[in-house]
N, C-alpha and C. Protein backbone atom coordinates (compact mmCIF):
# COMPACT_ATOMS: atom_id res chain seq x y z
N UNK A 1 114.60 67.34 101.65
CA UNK A 1 114.69 66.70 100.40
C UNK A 1 113.48 65.67 99.57
N UNK A 2 112.75 67.26 99.44
CA UNK A 2 112.08 67.65 98.69
C UNK A 2 112.23 68.90 97.37
N UNK A 3 111.33 69.19 96.36
CA UNK A 3 110.97 70.25 95.93
C UNK A 3 110.59 71.30 96.60
N UNK A 4 109.61 70.61 97.33
CA UNK A 4 108.38 71.67 98.28
C UNK A 4 108.90 72.16 99.53
N UNK A 5 109.92 70.74 100.23
CA UNK A 5 110.54 70.95 101.20
C UNK A 5 111.44 72.89 101.08
N UNK A 6 112.33 72.17 99.47
CA UNK A 6 113.21 73.31 99.23
C UNK A 6 112.43 74.66 99.14
N UNK A 7 111.47 74.48 98.52
CA UNK A 7 110.63 75.92 98.09
C UNK A 7 110.54 76.40 99.61
N UNK A 8 109.69 75.59 100.19
CA UNK A 8 109.28 76.30 101.37
C UNK A 8 110.25 77.24 102.30
N UNK A 9 111.82 76.22 102.56
CA UNK A 9 112.83 76.50 102.74
C UNK A 9 113.20 78.11 102.82
N UNK A 10 113.05 78.22 101.22
CA UNK A 10 113.22 79.35 100.58
C UNK A 10 112.74 80.83 100.68
N UNK A 11 111.24 80.21 101.21
CA UNK A 11 110.47 81.24 101.26
C UNK A 11 110.25 81.58 102.74
N UNK A 12 110.43 80.68 103.33
CA UNK A 12 110.49 81.44 105.16
C UNK A 12 111.73 81.59 105.44
N UNK A 13 113.22 81.55 105.01
CA UNK A 13 114.34 82.14 105.77
C UNK A 13 114.83 83.43 104.28
N UNK A 14 114.52 83.44 103.01
CA UNK A 14 114.94 84.33 102.20
C UNK A 14 113.92 84.90 101.68
N UNK A 15 114.72 85.90 100.91
CA UNK A 15 113.55 87.13 100.20
C UNK A 15 113.57 86.36 98.84
N UNK A 16 112.84 85.14 99.04
CA UNK A 16 112.56 84.06 97.91
C UNK A 16 111.29 84.58 96.96
N UNK A 17 111.49 85.07 95.62
CA UNK A 17 110.16 85.71 94.68
C UNK A 17 110.53 84.53 93.56
N UNK A 18 109.35 83.82 93.60
CA UNK A 18 108.67 82.85 92.52
C UNK A 18 109.42 83.23 90.94
N UNK A 19 109.89 82.87 89.79
CA UNK A 19 109.64 83.22 89.09
C UNK A 19 108.23 83.32 88.47
N UNK A 20 107.84 83.77 87.06
CA UNK A 20 106.82 83.72 86.83
C UNK A 20 106.67 83.09 85.26
N UNK A 21 106.03 82.14 84.90
CA UNK A 21 106.25 81.89 83.78
C UNK A 21 105.31 82.80 82.35
N UNK A 22 106.39 82.91 81.40
CA UNK A 22 105.64 84.38 80.81
C UNK A 22 105.73 82.95 79.27
N UNK A 23 104.34 83.44 78.35
CA UNK A 23 104.21 83.04 77.28
C UNK A 23 104.97 84.15 76.01
N UNK A 24 105.88 83.11 75.14
CA UNK A 24 106.63 83.98 74.56
C UNK A 24 106.18 83.93 72.82
N UNK A 25 105.43 82.88 72.42
CA UNK A 25 104.86 82.61 70.85
C UNK A 25 104.53 81.58 71.14
N UNK A 26 104.34 81.26 69.57
CA UNK A 26 103.82 80.12 69.18
C UNK A 26 103.68 79.86 67.85
N UNK A 27 104.19 78.74 67.55
CA UNK A 27 103.74 77.89 66.17
C UNK A 27 103.39 76.39 66.28
N UNK A 28 103.43 76.25 64.63
CA UNK A 28 103.37 74.97 64.08
C UNK A 28 104.05 73.95 64.33
N UNK A 29 104.21 72.83 64.85
CA UNK A 29 105.44 71.96 64.51
C UNK A 29 104.93 70.95 64.55
N UNK A 30 105.98 69.94 63.98
CA UNK A 30 105.65 68.12 63.04
C UNK A 30 104.83 67.23 64.25
N UNK A 31 104.91 66.75 64.56
CA UNK A 31 104.86 65.16 65.62
C UNK A 31 105.75 64.12 64.67
N UNK A 32 105.42 63.71 65.78
CA UNK A 32 106.18 61.80 65.73
C UNK A 32 105.08 61.48 64.20
N UNK A 33 103.77 60.91 64.42
CA UNK A 33 103.35 61.06 63.29
C UNK A 33 102.87 61.70 61.47
N UNK A 34 104.08 63.22 61.66
CA UNK A 34 103.94 63.58 60.76
C UNK A 34 102.68 65.07 61.19
N UNK A 35 101.27 64.75 62.12
CA UNK A 35 100.80 65.61 61.74
C UNK A 35 101.22 67.33 62.26
N UNK A 36 100.77 68.24 62.00
CA UNK A 36 101.10 69.57 62.54
C UNK A 36 100.24 69.82 63.93
N UNK A 37 101.06 70.44 64.79
CA UNK A 37 99.90 71.15 65.88
C UNK A 37 100.92 71.58 66.55
N UNK A 38 99.65 73.12 66.94
CA UNK A 38 100.52 74.21 67.56
C UNK A 38 101.02 74.37 68.93
N UNK A 39 102.34 74.51 69.55
CA UNK A 39 102.60 74.39 70.65
C UNK A 39 103.04 75.97 71.14
N UNK A 40 102.86 76.32 72.52
CA UNK A 40 103.40 77.24 72.71
C UNK A 40 104.42 77.41 73.45
N UNK A 41 105.36 78.24 73.65
CA UNK A 41 106.82 78.43 73.84
C UNK A 41 106.56 79.49 74.83
N UNK A 42 107.75 79.07 76.20
CA UNK A 42 107.17 80.03 77.82
C UNK A 42 109.04 80.32 77.56
N UNK A 43 108.80 81.10 78.44
CA UNK A 43 110.23 81.42 79.38
C UNK A 43 109.70 81.62 80.86
N UNK A 44 110.78 82.47 81.66
CA UNK A 44 110.24 82.96 82.53
C UNK A 44 110.94 84.15 83.69
N UNK A 45 110.53 84.97 84.02
CA UNK A 45 111.06 86.22 84.65
C UNK A 45 110.52 85.99 86.19
N UNK A 46 111.06 87.05 86.59
CA UNK A 46 111.52 87.47 87.96
C UNK A 46 110.76 88.52 88.08
N UNK A 47 109.72 89.20 88.79
CA UNK A 47 108.74 90.47 88.60
C UNK A 47 109.99 91.28 89.82
N UNK A 48 110.67 91.87 88.39
CA UNK A 48 111.26 93.72 88.93
C UNK A 48 111.02 94.23 89.93
N UNK A 49 109.93 94.67 90.31
CA UNK A 49 109.44 95.43 91.39
C UNK A 49 109.60 94.70 92.52
N UNK A 50 109.28 93.67 92.57
CA UNK A 50 109.66 92.35 94.02
C UNK A 50 110.88 92.85 93.97
N UNK A 51 111.68 91.92 93.02
CA UNK A 51 113.43 92.13 93.69
C UNK A 51 113.38 93.21 94.05
N UNK A 52 113.34 94.27 93.57
CA UNK A 52 113.76 95.64 94.09
C UNK A 52 113.54 96.12 95.72
N UNK A 53 111.95 95.63 95.83
CA UNK A 53 111.99 95.72 96.99
C UNK A 53 112.18 94.86 98.22
N UNK A 54 112.76 93.30 97.80
CA UNK A 54 113.32 92.96 98.42
C UNK A 54 114.87 93.08 98.49
N UNK A 55 115.52 93.85 97.38
CA UNK A 55 116.83 94.34 97.67
C UNK A 55 116.69 95.45 98.52
N UNK A 56 115.72 96.47 98.59
CA UNK A 56 115.82 97.43 99.56
C UNK A 56 115.68 97.42 100.77
N UNK A 57 115.22 96.55 100.97
CA UNK A 57 114.65 95.71 102.48
C UNK A 57 116.07 95.67 103.31
N UNK A 58 116.99 95.18 102.31
CA UNK A 58 118.12 95.10 103.54
C UNK A 58 118.74 96.61 103.68
N UNK A 59 119.21 96.67 104.99
CA UNK A 59 119.76 98.44 105.37
C UNK A 59 121.37 98.43 104.28
N UNK A 60 121.92 97.44 104.51
CA UNK A 60 123.06 97.60 103.86
C UNK A 60 122.98 98.30 102.21
N UNK A 61 122.31 97.39 101.41
CA UNK A 61 122.15 97.85 100.21
C UNK A 61 120.64 99.09 100.23
N UNK A 62 119.97 99.13 100.93
CA UNK A 62 119.93 100.91 100.64
C UNK A 62 120.43 101.89 100.82
N UNK A 63 121.40 101.92 102.04
CA UNK A 63 122.31 102.88 102.14
C UNK A 63 123.64 102.92 101.18
N UNK A 64 123.81 102.28 100.38
CA UNK A 64 124.37 101.85 99.14
C UNK A 64 123.85 102.42 97.99
N UNK A 65 122.76 102.25 97.71
CA UNK A 65 121.54 103.38 96.61
C UNK A 65 121.85 104.32 97.12
N UNK A 66 121.34 104.94 98.14
CA UNK A 66 121.47 106.33 98.67
C UNK A 66 122.91 107.27 98.88
N UNK A 67 123.58 106.47 99.16
CA UNK A 67 124.53 107.14 98.69
C UNK A 67 125.18 108.10 97.37
N UNK A 68 125.53 109.33 97.65
CA UNK A 68 125.88 110.21 97.10
C UNK A 68 127.37 109.80 96.64
N UNK A 69 127.69 109.53 95.23
CA UNK A 69 128.86 108.96 94.84
C UNK A 69 129.22 110.62 94.04
N UNK A 70 129.15 111.38 93.97
CA UNK A 70 129.19 112.55 92.66
C UNK A 70 130.56 113.31 93.35
N UNK A 71 131.19 112.90 94.36
CA UNK A 71 132.17 113.72 94.65
C UNK A 71 133.81 113.07 94.21
N UNK A 72 133.43 111.98 93.19
CA UNK A 72 134.51 111.57 92.87
C UNK A 72 134.93 112.25 91.74
N UNK A 73 136.43 112.63 91.67
CA UNK A 73 137.04 113.55 90.66
C UNK A 73 137.51 112.52 88.99
N UNK A 74 137.22 112.65 87.87
CA UNK A 74 137.54 112.30 86.74
C UNK A 74 136.43 111.07 86.65
N UNK A 75 137.03 110.47 85.62
CA UNK A 75 135.88 109.49 85.57
C UNK A 75 136.63 107.84 85.73
N UNK A 76 135.51 107.68 86.77
CA UNK A 76 136.20 106.50 87.60
C UNK A 76 135.48 105.07 87.41
N UNK A 77 134.10 105.49 87.05
CA UNK A 77 132.95 104.62 86.61
C UNK A 77 131.84 104.55 85.80
N UNK A 78 131.58 104.03 85.58
CA UNK A 78 129.91 103.86 84.32
C UNK A 78 129.39 104.80 85.26
N UNK A 79 129.28 105.37 86.57
CA UNK A 79 128.28 106.37 87.20
C UNK A 79 128.67 107.95 87.68
N UNK A 80 130.00 107.93 86.60
CA UNK A 80 130.73 109.04 86.51
C UNK A 80 130.65 109.40 85.10
N UNK A 81 129.49 109.04 84.11
CA UNK A 81 129.67 108.93 82.87
C UNK A 81 129.14 110.12 82.28
N UNK A 82 129.19 110.89 80.98
CA UNK A 82 127.65 112.15 80.95
C UNK A 82 126.58 111.63 81.04
N UNK A 83 125.93 110.31 80.33
CA UNK A 83 124.51 109.81 80.56
C UNK A 83 124.03 109.99 82.23
N UNK A 84 124.48 109.47 82.92
CA UNK A 84 124.27 109.53 84.37
C UNK A 84 123.92 110.79 84.81
N UNK A 85 125.25 111.54 84.29
CA UNK A 85 125.36 112.64 84.99
C UNK A 85 124.86 113.79 84.10
N UNK A 86 124.02 113.68 83.32
CA UNK A 86 122.74 114.64 82.48
C UNK A 86 121.64 114.47 83.51
N UNK A 87 121.47 113.29 84.16
CA UNK A 87 120.00 113.38 84.45
C UNK A 87 119.83 113.94 85.60
N UNK A 88 118.40 114.35 85.91
CA UNK A 88 118.52 115.66 86.77
C UNK A 88 118.01 115.31 88.39
N UNK A 89 117.98 113.86 88.57
CA UNK A 89 118.42 113.42 89.83
C UNK A 89 119.74 113.34 90.51
N UNK A 90 120.42 112.99 89.68
CA UNK A 90 122.16 113.27 89.77
C UNK A 90 122.92 114.69 90.37
N UNK A 91 121.83 115.59 89.41
CA UNK A 91 122.31 116.72 89.19
C UNK A 91 121.54 117.68 90.73
N UNK A 92 120.48 117.18 90.95
CA UNK A 92 119.89 117.23 92.68
C UNK A 92 120.47 117.35 93.39
N UNK A 93 120.90 115.81 93.25
CA UNK A 93 121.46 114.83 94.51
C UNK A 93 120.91 114.05 94.89
N UNK A 94 119.78 113.53 94.50
CA UNK A 94 118.79 113.06 94.71
C UNK A 94 119.16 111.50 94.54
N UNK A 95 118.75 110.30 95.47
CA UNK A 95 119.14 108.94 94.95
C UNK A 95 118.19 108.64 94.24
N UNK A 96 118.62 107.13 92.91
CA UNK A 96 117.89 106.49 92.21
C UNK A 96 119.10 105.93 91.89
N UNK A 97 118.35 104.60 91.11
CA UNK A 97 118.53 103.31 91.09
C UNK A 97 118.82 103.92 89.90
N UNK A 98 120.00 102.95 89.63
CA UNK A 98 120.96 102.55 88.16
C UNK A 98 121.38 101.53 87.52
N UNK A 99 120.10 101.09 86.85
CA UNK A 99 120.24 99.42 86.21
C UNK A 99 120.41 99.14 85.42
N UNK A 100 122.02 98.24 85.65
CA UNK A 100 122.71 97.56 84.41
C UNK A 100 121.65 96.29 83.73
N UNK A 101 121.12 96.10 83.01
CA UNK A 101 121.10 95.12 82.18
C UNK A 101 121.66 94.38 81.51
N UNK A 102 122.33 92.70 81.42
CA UNK A 102 123.05 92.53 80.55
C UNK A 102 122.62 90.93 80.29
N UNK A 103 123.00 90.27 79.00
CA UNK A 103 122.48 89.19 78.33
C UNK A 103 123.98 88.01 78.21
N UNK A 104 123.45 87.21 78.40
CA UNK A 104 124.27 86.35 78.18
C UNK A 104 123.84 84.64 77.85
N UNK A 105 124.36 83.80 76.77
CA UNK A 105 123.56 82.83 76.01
C UNK A 105 124.94 81.13 76.92
N UNK A 106 123.97 80.75 77.35
CA UNK A 106 124.80 79.78 78.16
C UNK A 106 124.20 77.64 77.64
N UNK A 107 125.49 77.19 77.44
CA UNK A 107 124.75 76.06 77.50
C UNK A 107 124.17 74.43 78.48
N UNK A 108 123.37 74.31 78.53
CA UNK A 108 123.37 73.46 79.70
C UNK A 108 123.40 72.00 79.19
N UNK A 109 124.10 70.82 79.94
CA UNK A 109 123.98 69.38 79.16
C UNK A 109 123.63 68.17 79.90
N UNK A 110 122.96 67.10 80.31
CA UNK A 110 122.93 66.24 81.49
C UNK A 110 124.00 65.34 81.21
N UNK A 111 124.81 65.29 81.90
CA UNK A 111 126.26 64.49 81.35
C UNK A 111 125.43 62.79 81.44
N UNK A 112 124.44 62.74 82.67
CA UNK A 112 123.83 61.37 82.52
C UNK A 112 123.09 60.83 81.92
N UNK A 113 122.46 61.70 80.92
CA UNK A 113 121.29 61.16 79.69
C UNK A 113 121.87 61.18 78.42
N UNK A 114 122.34 62.33 78.04
CA UNK A 114 122.60 62.69 77.00
C UNK A 114 123.43 63.52 76.37
N UNK A 115 124.20 63.30 74.97
CA UNK A 115 124.80 64.46 75.09
C UNK A 115 124.35 65.81 74.19
N UNK A 116 122.60 65.83 74.26
CA UNK A 116 122.21 67.07 73.71
C UNK A 116 122.15 68.09 74.82
N UNK A 117 122.49 69.21 73.81
CA UNK A 117 122.93 70.57 74.61
C UNK A 117 121.23 71.27 74.41
N UNK A 118 121.66 72.09 75.88
CA UNK A 118 119.95 72.82 75.80
C UNK A 118 120.98 74.47 75.70
N UNK A 119 120.54 75.02 74.38
CA UNK A 119 121.53 76.94 74.89
C UNK A 119 120.19 77.86 75.49
N UNK A 120 120.78 78.23 76.72
CA UNK A 120 119.22 78.72 77.06
C UNK A 120 119.87 80.64 77.13
N UNK A 121 119.46 81.73 76.56
CA UNK A 121 119.28 82.91 77.32
C UNK A 121 119.07 83.63 78.05
N UNK A 122 119.81 84.09 78.96
CA UNK A 122 119.58 84.35 80.45
C UNK A 122 119.93 86.21 80.54
N UNK A 123 119.21 86.35 81.17
CA UNK A 123 119.31 88.27 81.00
C UNK A 123 119.11 88.79 82.70
N UNK A 124 120.11 89.50 83.19
CA UNK A 124 120.99 89.95 84.53
C UNK A 124 120.54 90.91 84.77
N UNK A 125 120.47 91.68 85.96
CA UNK A 125 120.76 92.90 86.37
C UNK A 125 121.30 93.02 87.53
N UNK A 126 122.34 94.09 87.55
CA UNK A 126 122.99 94.90 88.53
C UNK A 126 122.74 96.17 88.33
N UNK A 127 123.69 96.55 89.59
CA UNK A 127 122.87 97.96 89.98
C UNK A 127 124.23 98.92 89.65
N UNK A 128 124.12 99.81 89.42
CA UNK A 128 125.45 101.09 89.36
C UNK A 128 126.04 101.56 90.38
N UNK A 129 124.43 101.60 91.22
CA UNK A 129 125.17 102.28 92.51
C UNK A 129 125.90 101.46 93.42
N UNK A 130 126.45 100.55 93.01
CA UNK A 130 128.07 99.49 93.99
C UNK A 130 128.48 100.02 93.66
N UNK A 131 129.73 99.71 94.25
CA UNK A 131 131.11 99.63 94.20
C UNK A 131 131.39 99.15 93.12
N UNK A 132 132.27 99.59 91.79
CA UNK A 132 133.03 98.43 90.47
C UNK A 132 133.32 97.01 91.41
N UNK A 133 133.80 97.06 92.72
CA UNK A 133 134.48 95.59 92.78
C UNK A 133 133.63 94.90 93.79
N UNK A 134 132.05 95.55 93.85
CA UNK A 134 130.91 94.84 94.92
C UNK A 134 129.82 94.39 93.89
N UNK A 135 129.80 95.48 93.00
CA UNK A 135 128.86 94.62 91.10
C UNK A 135 129.63 94.07 90.67
N UNK A 136 130.57 93.30 90.58
CA UNK A 136 130.62 92.14 89.98
C UNK A 136 131.04 90.66 90.70
N UNK A 137 130.45 91.29 91.61
CA UNK A 137 130.29 89.50 92.51
C UNK A 137 128.78 89.02 92.14
N UNK A 138 129.54 87.59 92.33
CA UNK A 138 127.68 86.54 92.00
C UNK A 138 126.34 87.11 92.96
N UNK A 139 126.94 87.55 93.85
CA UNK A 139 125.89 87.74 94.81
C UNK A 139 124.88 89.75 94.63
N UNK A 140 125.95 89.85 93.56
CA UNK A 140 125.25 90.81 93.31
C UNK A 140 124.42 90.72 91.86
N UNK A 141 124.95 89.87 91.50
CA UNK A 141 123.67 89.76 89.79
C UNK A 141 122.83 88.94 89.55
N UNK A 142 121.68 89.74 89.48
CA UNK A 142 120.40 89.17 90.13
C UNK A 142 119.91 88.74 88.50
N UNK A 143 118.90 87.34 88.67
CA UNK A 143 118.91 86.54 87.43
C UNK A 143 117.06 87.25 86.92
N UNK A 144 116.93 87.96 85.85
CA UNK A 144 115.70 88.46 85.80
C UNK A 144 114.69 87.63 84.76
N UNK A 145 115.73 87.40 83.83
CA UNK A 145 114.24 86.46 83.04
C UNK A 145 115.19 85.53 82.56
N UNK A 146 114.97 83.64 81.96
CA UNK A 146 115.13 82.79 81.31
C UNK A 146 114.46 82.49 80.38
N UNK A 147 115.05 81.58 79.19
CA UNK A 147 113.55 81.68 78.21
C UNK A 147 115.37 80.78 77.38
N UNK A 148 114.53 79.37 76.31
CA UNK A 148 115.33 78.77 75.44
C UNK A 148 116.04 80.13 74.29
N UNK A 149 116.92 80.07 74.22
CA UNK A 149 117.72 80.66 73.02
C UNK A 149 117.24 80.82 71.94
N UNK A 150 116.98 79.53 71.63
CA UNK A 150 116.36 79.42 69.75
C UNK A 150 114.99 80.07 70.32
N UNK A 151 114.19 80.14 71.23
CA UNK A 151 112.89 80.63 71.27
C UNK A 151 112.75 81.88 71.38
N UNK A 152 113.73 82.97 71.95
CA UNK A 152 114.20 84.22 71.59
C UNK A 152 114.69 84.66 70.52
N UNK A 153 115.20 83.73 69.79
CA UNK A 153 115.75 84.44 68.68
C UNK A 153 114.47 84.08 67.15
N UNK A 154 113.31 83.48 67.56
CA UNK A 154 112.67 83.31 66.99
C UNK A 154 111.63 84.26 67.21
N UNK A 155 111.24 84.45 68.48
CA UNK A 155 109.41 85.54 69.16
C UNK A 155 110.23 86.31 69.34
N UNK A 156 111.46 87.14 69.53
CA UNK A 156 112.00 88.26 70.29
C UNK A 156 111.98 87.86 71.94
N UNK A 157 112.47 89.18 72.57
CA UNK A 157 112.95 89.20 74.03
C UNK A 157 111.47 90.46 74.40
N UNK A 158 110.56 90.15 73.56
CA UNK A 158 109.72 91.77 74.59
C UNK A 158 108.73 91.08 75.54
N UNK A 159 108.32 90.01 74.90
CA UNK A 159 107.08 89.56 76.04
C UNK A 159 108.29 88.65 77.48
N UNK A 160 108.69 88.43 76.52
CA UNK A 160 109.82 87.78 77.97
C UNK A 160 110.28 88.82 78.99
N UNK A 161 110.54 89.98 78.65
CA UNK A 161 111.03 91.11 79.33
C UNK A 161 110.63 92.56 79.07
N UNK A 162 108.92 91.95 79.32
CA UNK A 162 107.67 92.84 79.43
C UNK A 162 107.40 93.26 80.90
N UNK A 163 107.56 92.52 81.77
CA UNK A 163 107.48 93.07 83.42
C UNK A 163 108.86 93.59 83.44
N UNK A 164 109.79 93.69 83.15
CA UNK A 164 111.36 94.09 83.38
C UNK A 164 111.33 95.98 82.62
N UNK A 165 110.55 95.81 81.71
CA UNK A 165 111.13 97.37 80.57
C UNK A 165 109.63 97.65 81.36
N UNK A 166 108.65 97.30 81.18
CA UNK A 166 107.11 97.97 82.59
C UNK A 166 107.22 98.18 84.20
N UNK A 167 108.41 97.89 84.47
CA UNK A 167 108.60 98.18 85.83
C UNK A 167 109.42 99.39 86.09
N UNK A 168 110.80 99.76 84.78
CA UNK A 168 111.59 100.54 84.74
C UNK A 168 110.23 101.70 83.86
N UNK A 169 109.57 101.55 83.89
CA UNK A 169 108.43 102.66 83.39
C UNK A 169 107.78 103.45 84.68
N UNK A 170 107.13 102.40 85.06
CA UNK A 170 106.83 102.84 86.33
C UNK A 170 107.79 102.90 87.63
N UNK A 171 109.12 102.70 87.46
CA UNK A 171 109.95 103.58 88.30
C UNK A 171 110.44 104.86 87.94
N UNK A 172 110.31 105.01 86.42
CA UNK A 172 110.92 106.28 85.51
C UNK A 172 109.58 107.51 86.72
N UNK A 173 108.23 106.95 86.00
CA UNK A 173 107.45 108.22 86.29
C UNK A 173 107.07 108.16 87.60
N UNK A 174 107.65 107.45 88.65
CA UNK A 174 107.32 107.79 90.14
C UNK A 174 108.49 107.39 90.72
N UNK A 175 107.46 107.10 91.76
CA UNK A 175 108.24 106.45 93.47
C UNK A 175 108.25 105.05 93.95
N UNK A 176 108.92 104.65 94.33
CA UNK A 176 108.67 103.35 94.80
C UNK A 176 108.99 103.64 96.38
N UNK A 177 108.13 102.90 97.06
CA UNK A 177 107.84 103.47 98.40
C UNK A 177 108.47 101.32 98.84
N UNK A 178 109.55 101.98 99.98
CA UNK A 178 109.91 100.52 100.78
C UNK A 178 109.97 100.64 102.57
N UNK A 179 109.65 99.56 103.02
CA UNK A 179 109.64 99.59 104.31
C UNK A 179 111.55 99.13 104.13
N UNK A 180 111.97 99.69 105.41
CA UNK A 180 113.30 99.39 105.61
C UNK A 180 113.47 100.01 107.21
N UNK A 181 113.91 98.90 107.71
CA UNK A 181 113.94 98.53 109.53
C UNK A 181 112.72 98.97 109.97
N UNK A 182 111.65 98.72 109.57
CA UNK A 182 110.31 98.85 110.17
C UNK A 182 109.57 100.31 109.71
N UNK A 183 110.42 100.94 108.89
CA UNK A 183 109.71 102.66 108.39
C UNK A 183 109.84 103.19 106.58
N UNK A 184 109.17 103.42 106.44
CA UNK A 184 108.53 103.63 105.22
C UNK A 184 109.82 104.95 104.34
N UNK A 185 109.91 104.37 103.31
CA UNK A 185 111.22 104.95 102.50
C UNK A 185 111.19 105.22 101.47
């Protein structure tokens, strides 16, 4: 019945990953008395490597990521397109994460207090390793970043998505060690 108890419950019972506050820019704004004041703007991101580690600890997801889907004839999914087929790991038959990122703006309104709308920029990932009918389910689409849309438009998304892009670069240049069922994979 409190935010603290809810956070503790999530941390103890789920692979909860706390979002991190990300500075995305600053600008001068006029206060009510007409004075200009420097205001900082923030968004939130979920650390992408920790998200992947938490997901891959689930044996079903780990098996899905490692499954060889090259034997399908024709083009049935994005995984069968030329971009993925040209990847060196695909050609060797080795498993690799196929990350799909998407962006959406949504509007939030508090119906009890005011009619003011808050437009938010939401960034999500899912994995092309999942079959299409599984990939499109809400529990397989993961939030990686959120900020106010006008802040993203003003300052760009490079700082907000910095952790995501940095994590992808680390993964591209190396291997991720994950514990699945008590053993390192």
